[in-house]
Amino acid sequence: MSQVLDAPPRPAAADAQELAARYGLSVSNARAPLGAYSRQLWQRRHFIRAFATAKLTTQYSEAKLGQIWQVMTPLLNAAVYYLIFGVLMNVKRGVPDYIPYLVTGVFTFTFIQTSILSGTRAISGNLSLVRALHFPRAALPISFCLQQLQQLLFSLCALIVIVLGFGLPLTTSWLLVVPTLALLAVFNAGLAMIMARVAAKTPDVTQLMPFILRTWMYTSGVMFPLANVLKQHNFPLWLKHAAEYNPAAIFMDLMRFALLDSFHASQLPPHVWIWATGWALLVGVGGFIYFWKAEETYGRG
């Protein structure tokens, strides 16, 4: 007569928790508290910098001109915009030093645009790395933003040559480029982290972002003074304020004020530094917290 043996009972959830507590076990991908998460991210700052530099070095490795394209790409964009808006549409009329004005706007907005687009691919484009290693996932969008900042610094060399070539003087206001870029980098990093989380859950956002960014560019005064357009049309007051305090327009105007002697303080919106700092802190800190809250979900599925 055969005897049927019962299968050993599975440990209950409470028993599993007791065993985990006894032997110091924890969930491998559990989200760390915000303070601990920030410290882990800081401990990996060398990895973030090295990863950004490696990405920048390999970006144009297959092109014959190599890293020259880091400067040529925004310059060619500026040339196209000058042909369309400066020559054909003649928006340069009444704008002193239009070419330095245009190139400064193009370079600044390109930094914003590429940081956001890189952020949308930070998680979805590095799934093998996310699934293989345990590290703060915020390191990826931050490193991509740092890569774009490094590329902007290369482009600034060409921008300085253009500014000086058009006879604009070197003044102490050029020192304002440093705090402007610092605030803009924090702002971009926050946007990159927001878009990294959104795109990780909804990949179709990656296809939509170029159209959104193109619309943002045309409404931010990259190619023409936004204040002139607002004065010529009877827009509602709220729309004028929204355009005036548009973060992209604020950071571009601060860069123009720093580099262009013909761009005066009267052309800046009131309390511009307070607004720039507020945008950087709101988007930078808010984007970091928003990204951190979904830390456990990245790489699943």
Protein backbone atom coordinates (compact mmCIF):
# COMPACT_ATOMS: atom_id res chain seq x y z
CA MET A 1 0.00 0.00 0.00
CA SER A 2 1.55 3.27 -1.13
CA GLN A 3 1.75 6.20 1.18
CA VAL A 4 1.13 9.72 -0.13
CA LEU A 5 3.49 12.25 1.38
CA ASP A 6 2.29 15.82 1.71
CA ALA A 7 4.49 18.52 0.18
CA PRO A 8 6.28 20.64 2.74
CA PRO A 9 4.29 23.76 3.49
CA ARG A 10 5.50 26.98 1.96
CA PRO A 11 6.69 29.56 4.44
CA ALA A 12 4.11 32.23 5.11
CA ALA A 13 4.83 35.84 4.35
CA ALA A 14 5.36 36.53 8.03
CA ASP A 15 7.89 33.68 8.24
CA ALA A 16 9.73 35.03 5.19
CA GLN A 17 9.91 38.46 6.75
CA GLU A 18 11.19 36.91 10.00
CA LEU A 19 13.93 35.04 8.13
CA ALA A 20 14.88 38.18 6.21
CA ALA A 21 15.10 40.16 9.45
CA ARG A 22 17.13 37.42 11.17
CA TYR A 23 19.76 37.22 8.44
CA GLY A 24 19.77 40.88 7.44
CA LEU A 25 18.26 40.33 4.01
CA SER A 26 16.53 43.06 2.02
CA VAL A 27 14.91 43.51 -1.39
CA SER A 28 17.70 44.07 -3.89
CA ASN A 29 15.98 46.84 -5.85
CA ALA A 30 14.21 48.50 -2.93
CA ARG A 31 14.06 52.27 -3.10
CA ALA A 32 16.39 53.88 -0.59
CA PRO A 33 15.20 56.85 1.47
CA LEU A 34 15.73 60.17 -0.27
CA GLY A 35 18.71 61.17 1.88
CA ALA A 36 20.46 57.82 1.47
CA TYR A 37 19.65 57.84 -2.24
CA SER A 38 21.26 61.26 -2.61
CA ARG A 39 24.39 60.06 -0.80
CA GLN A 40 24.60 56.98 -3.06
CA LEU A 41 24.34 59.25 -6.07
CA TRP A 42 27.12 61.49 -4.77
CA GLN A 43 29.35 58.47 -4.15
CA ARG A 44 29.00 57.62 -7.84
CA ARG A 45 29.87 61.11 -9.09
CA HIS A 46 33.08 59.79 -10.69
CA PHE A 47 31.09 57.22 -12.65
CA ILE A 48 28.64 59.93 -13.78
CA ARG A 49 31.46 62.13 -15.04
CA ALA A 50 33.31 59.27 -16.75
CA PHE A 51 30.12 57.94 -18.35
CA ALA A 52 29.25 61.42 -19.70
CA THR A 53 32.75 61.93 -21.08
CA ALA A 54 32.78 58.51 -22.73
CA LYS A 55 29.40 59.17 -24.37
CA LEU A 56 30.61 62.53 -25.64
CA THR A 57 33.81 61.03 -27.04
CA THR A 58 32.01 58.27 -28.92
CA GLN A 59 29.13 60.43 -30.16
CA TYR A 60 30.88 61.38 -33.41
CA SER A 61 33.48 58.60 -33.50
CA GLU A 62 32.29 57.33 -36.90
CA ALA A 63 32.31 60.77 -38.54
CA LYS A 64 35.42 61.89 -40.41
CA LEU A 65 35.38 65.32 -38.78
CA GLY A 66 34.91 63.73 -35.36
CA GLN A 67 34.40 66.12 -32.44
CA ILE A 68 34.28 69.14 -34.76
CA TRP A 69 30.59 68.33 -35.22
CA GLN A 70 30.02 69.34 -31.59
CA VAL A 71 30.49 72.92 -32.75
CA MET A 72 29.41 72.58 -36.39
CA THR A 73 25.92 71.24 -35.65
CA PRO A 74 24.59 74.26 -33.70
CA LEU A 75 26.43 76.63 -36.06
CA LEU A 76 24.74 75.06 -39.10
CA ASN A 77 21.37 75.31 -37.33
CA ALA A 78 22.05 78.97 -36.65
CA ALA A 79 22.95 79.52 -40.33
CA VAL A 80 19.65 77.97 -41.45
CA TYR A 81 17.67 80.08 -38.98
CA TYR A 82 19.51 83.21 -40.14
CA LEU A 83 18.63 82.48 -43.76
CA ILE A 84 14.95 81.88 -43.00
CA PHE A 85 14.26 84.40 -40.24
CA GLY A 86 17.03 86.96 -40.68
CA VAL A 87 17.03 87.22 -44.47
CA LEU A 88 13.72 85.95 -45.83
CA MET A 89 11.48 87.09 -42.96
CA ASN A 90 13.72 90.05 -42.04
CA VAL A 91 13.16 89.73 -38.28
CA LYS A 92 16.70 91.03 -37.77
CA ARG A 93 15.44 94.56 -38.41
CA GLY A 94 15.84 96.61 -35.25
CA VAL A 95 17.92 93.93 -33.50
CA PRO A 96 21.51 95.08 -32.86
CA ASP A 97 24.18 92.45 -33.54
CA TYR A 98 21.61 90.01 -34.83
CA ILE A 99 24.01 87.17 -35.67
CA PRO A 100 25.56 87.00 -32.14
CA TYR A 101 22.02 87.40 -30.76
CA LEU A 102 20.79 84.47 -32.86
CA VAL A 103 23.78 82.18 -32.22
CA THR A 104 23.57 82.75 -28.45
CA GLY A 105 19.89 81.80 -28.47
CA VAL A 106 20.48 78.72 -30.66
CA PHE A 107 23.35 77.43 -28.51
CA THR A 108 21.41 77.95 -25.27
CA PHE A 109 18.21 76.32 -26.48
CA THR A 110 20.16 73.45 -28.05
CA PHE A 111 21.49 72.67 -24.56
CA ILE A 112 17.91 72.53 -23.24
CA GLN A 113 16.64 70.50 -26.20
CA THR A 114 19.39 67.88 -26.25
CA SER A 115 19.24 67.42 -22.46
CA ILE A 116 15.52 66.64 -22.64
CA LEU A 117 15.85 64.31 -25.63
CA SER A 118 18.74 62.48 -23.95
CA GLY A 119 16.64 62.18 -20.81
CA THR A 120 13.83 60.44 -22.68
CA ARG A 121 16.29 57.70 -23.69
CA ALA A 122 18.22 57.53 -20.42
CA ILE A 123 16.35 54.49 -19.05
CA SER A 124 14.74 52.93 -22.12
CA GLY A 125 18.00 53.11 -24.07
CA ASN A 126 20.10 51.53 -21.31
CA LEU A 127 17.89 48.68 -20.09
CA SER A 128 20.72 46.15 -20.14
CA LEU A 129 22.75 48.34 -17.79
CA VAL A 130 19.76 49.06 -15.56
CA ARG A 131 18.90 45.36 -15.23
CA ALA A 132 22.48 44.14 -14.77
CA LEU A 133 23.80 46.53 -12.12
CA HIS A 134 22.44 48.02 -8.92
CA PHE A 135 23.02 51.78 -8.76
CA PRO A 136 20.92 54.94 -8.37
CA ARG A 137 19.11 55.20 -11.69
CA ALA A 138 19.20 59.01 -11.53
CA ALA A 139 22.88 58.71 -12.46
CA LEU A 140 21.83 58.04 -16.07
CA PRO A 141 19.77 61.16 -16.88
CA ILE A 142 22.21 63.31 -14.89
CA SER A 143 25.18 61.92 -16.83
CA PHE A 144 23.42 62.60 -20.14
CA CYS A 145 22.74 66.16 -19.04
CA LEU A 146 26.39 66.53 -18.05
CA GLN A 147 27.37 65.27 -21.50
CA GLN A 148 25.30 68.02 -23.11
CA LEU A 149 26.85 70.61 -20.79
CA GLN A 150 30.32 69.50 -21.86
CA GLN A 151 29.26 69.81 -25.49
CA LEU A 152 27.92 73.32 -24.82
CA LEU A 153 31.26 74.35 -23.34
CA PHE A 154 32.94 73.35 -26.62
CA SER A 155 30.35 75.38 -28.52
CA LEU A 156 30.96 78.41 -26.31
CA CYS A 157 34.45 78.67 -27.75
CA ALA A 158 32.93 79.26 -31.20
CA LEU A 159 30.34 81.61 -29.72
CA ILE A 160 33.03 83.74 -28.09
CA VAL A 161 34.88 83.98 -31.41
CA ILE A 162 31.68 85.12 -33.12
CA VAL A 163 30.90 87.71 -30.43
CA LEU A 164 34.42 89.16 -30.54
CA GLY A 165 34.49 88.96 -34.33
CA PHE A 166 31.49 91.28 -34.55
CA GLY A 167 33.27 93.90 -32.49
CA LEU A 168 31.49 93.32 -29.18
CA PRO A 169 33.79 94.02 -26.22
CA LEU A 170 34.91 91.66 -23.50
CA THR A 171 33.30 93.00 -20.30
CA THR A 172 32.90 91.94 -16.68
CA SER A 173 29.32 90.88 -17.43
CA TRP A 174 30.78 87.80 -19.12
CA LEU A 175 31.28 86.41 -15.61
CA LEU A 176 27.48 86.05 -15.41
CA VAL A 177 27.76 83.13 -17.84
CA VAL A 178 28.91 80.92 -14.94
CA PRO A 179 25.85 81.29 -12.66
CA THR A 180 23.54 81.27 -15.69
CA LEU A 181 24.91 77.94 -16.93
CA ALA A 182 24.90 76.51 -13.39
CA LEU A 183 21.19 77.32 -12.95
CA LEU A 184 20.40 76.10 -16.47
CA ALA A 185 22.23 72.81 -15.86
CA VAL A 186 20.15 72.17 -12.71
CA PHE A 187 16.98 73.04 -14.64
CA ASN A 188 17.92 70.71 -17.51
CA ALA A 189 18.84 67.86 -15.17
CA GLY A 190 15.42 68.10 -13.55
CA LEU A 191 13.68 68.05 -16.93
CA ALA A 192 15.84 65.11 -18.04
CA MET A 193 14.85 63.11 -14.94
CA ILE A 194 11.17 63.93 -15.41
CA MET A 195 11.26 62.82 -19.03
CA ALA A 196 13.32 59.71 -18.17
CA ARG A 197 10.55 58.49 -15.85
CA VAL A 198 7.75 59.43 -18.25
CA ALA A 199 9.45 57.77 -21.25
CA ALA A 200 10.32 54.64 -19.23
CA LYS A 201 6.60 54.10 -18.67
CA THR A 202 5.32 55.53 -21.98
CA PRO A 203 7.94 55.03 -24.75
CA ASP A 204 5.78 56.84 -27.33
CA VAL A 205 6.71 60.12 -25.63
CA THR A 206 10.12 59.84 -27.30
CA GLN A 207 8.47 60.23 -30.71
CA LEU A 208 6.35 63.16 -29.57
CA MET A 209 9.06 65.24 -27.88
CA PRO A 210 10.73 66.67 -31.04
CA PHE A 211 7.44 68.32 -32.03
CA ILE A 212 6.89 69.72 -28.53
CA LEU A 213 10.45 71.05 -28.36
CA ARG A 214 10.18 72.64 -31.80
CA THR A 215 7.03 74.47 -30.70
CA TRP A 216 8.75 75.56 -27.49
CA MET A 217 11.69 76.89 -29.51
CA TYR A 218 9.53 79.01 -31.82
CA THR A 219 7.65 80.50 -28.84
CA SER A 220 10.77 81.27 -26.79
CA GLY A 221 12.37 84.02 -28.85
CA VAL A 222 15.34 82.06 -30.15
CA MET A 223 15.31 83.76 -33.55
CA PHE A 224 13.70 87.12 -32.69
CA PRO A 225 12.97 89.32 -29.66
CA LEU A 226 9.84 87.94 -28.08
CA ALA A 227 8.90 91.33 -26.58
CA ASN A 228 8.59 92.87 -30.07
CA VAL A 229 6.10 90.22 -31.16
CA LEU A 230 4.03 90.60 -27.99
CA LYS A 231 3.81 94.37 -28.47
CA GLN A 232 2.60 94.03 -32.07
CA HIS A 233 -0.35 91.80 -31.17
CA ASN A 234 -3.16 92.20 -28.70
CA PHE A 235 -2.48 89.03 -26.73
CA PRO A 236 -4.19 88.43 -23.36
CA LEU A 237 -2.18 89.62 -20.35
CA TRP A 238 -1.75 86.11 -18.96
CA LEU A 239 -0.25 84.95 -22.26
CA LYS A 240 2.23 87.84 -22.25
CA HIS A 241 3.31 86.97 -18.71
CA ALA A 242 3.63 83.28 -19.64
CA ALA A 243 5.86 84.17 -22.60
CA GLU A 244 7.89 86.66 -20.56
CA TYR A 245 8.66 84.19 -17.76
CA ASN A 246 9.10 81.17 -20.02
CA PRO A 247 12.20 79.49 -18.52
CA ALA A 248 13.86 78.96 -21.91
CA ALA A 249 13.43 82.66 -22.73
CA ILE A 250 14.75 83.70 -19.31
CA PHE A 251 17.95 81.65 -19.60
CA MET A 252 18.54 82.76 -23.20
CA ASP A 253 18.11 86.42 -22.25
CA LEU A 254 20.52 86.02 -19.33
CA MET A 255 23.13 84.54 -21.68
CA ARG A 256 22.58 87.40 -24.13
CA PHE A 257 22.84 89.97 -21.35
CA ALA A 258 26.10 88.38 -20.17
CA LEU A 259 27.79 88.17 -23.59
CA LEU A 260 26.29 90.93 -25.73
CA ASP A 261 27.06 94.55 -24.88
CA SER A 262 24.12 95.62 -27.07
CA PHE A 263 21.62 93.60 -24.99
CA HIS A 264 20.67 95.84 -22.07
CA ALA A 265 19.22 95.14 -18.62
CA SER A 266 16.01 96.94 -19.62
CA GLN A 267 15.30 94.06 -22.02
CA LEU A 268 15.22 91.55 -19.17
CA PRO A 269 11.96 90.78 -17.35
CA PRO A 270 11.65 92.09 -13.76
CA HIS A 271 13.32 90.01 -11.03
CA VAL A 272 14.92 87.82 -13.69
CA TRP A 273 17.50 86.21 -11.37
CA ILE A 274 14.81 85.28 -8.86
CA TRP A 275 12.81 83.66 -11.63
CA ALA A 276 15.84 81.82 -13.01
CA THR A 277 16.74 80.49 -9.55
CA GLY A 278 13.13 79.55 -8.88
CA TRP A 279 12.82 77.62 -12.14
CA ALA A 280 16.10 75.80 -11.47
CA LEU A 281 15.11 74.78 -7.93
CA LEU A 282 11.50 73.91 -8.80
CA VAL A 283 12.32 71.74 -11.80
CA GLY A 284 15.70 70.46 -10.56
CA VAL A 285 14.61 69.37 -7.07
CA GLY A 286 11.07 68.47 -8.14
CA GLY A 287 12.35 66.38 -11.05
CA PHE A 288 14.80 64.56 -8.78
CA ILE A 289 12.08 63.63 -6.28
CA TYR A 290 9.67 62.67 -9.07
CA PHE A 291 12.28 60.36 -10.59
CA TRP A 292 13.27 58.87 -7.22
CA LYS A 293 9.69 57.89 -6.39
CA ALA A 294 9.66 55.40 -9.29
CA GLU A 295 13.15 54.01 -8.64
CA GLU A 296 11.89 50.43 -8.09
CA THR A 297 10.02 50.31 -11.41
CA TYR A 298 12.88 51.06 -13.83
CA GLY A 299 13.95 48.10 -15.93
CA ARG A 300 10.87 46.01 -15.28
CA GLY A 301 8.70 44.57 -18.01
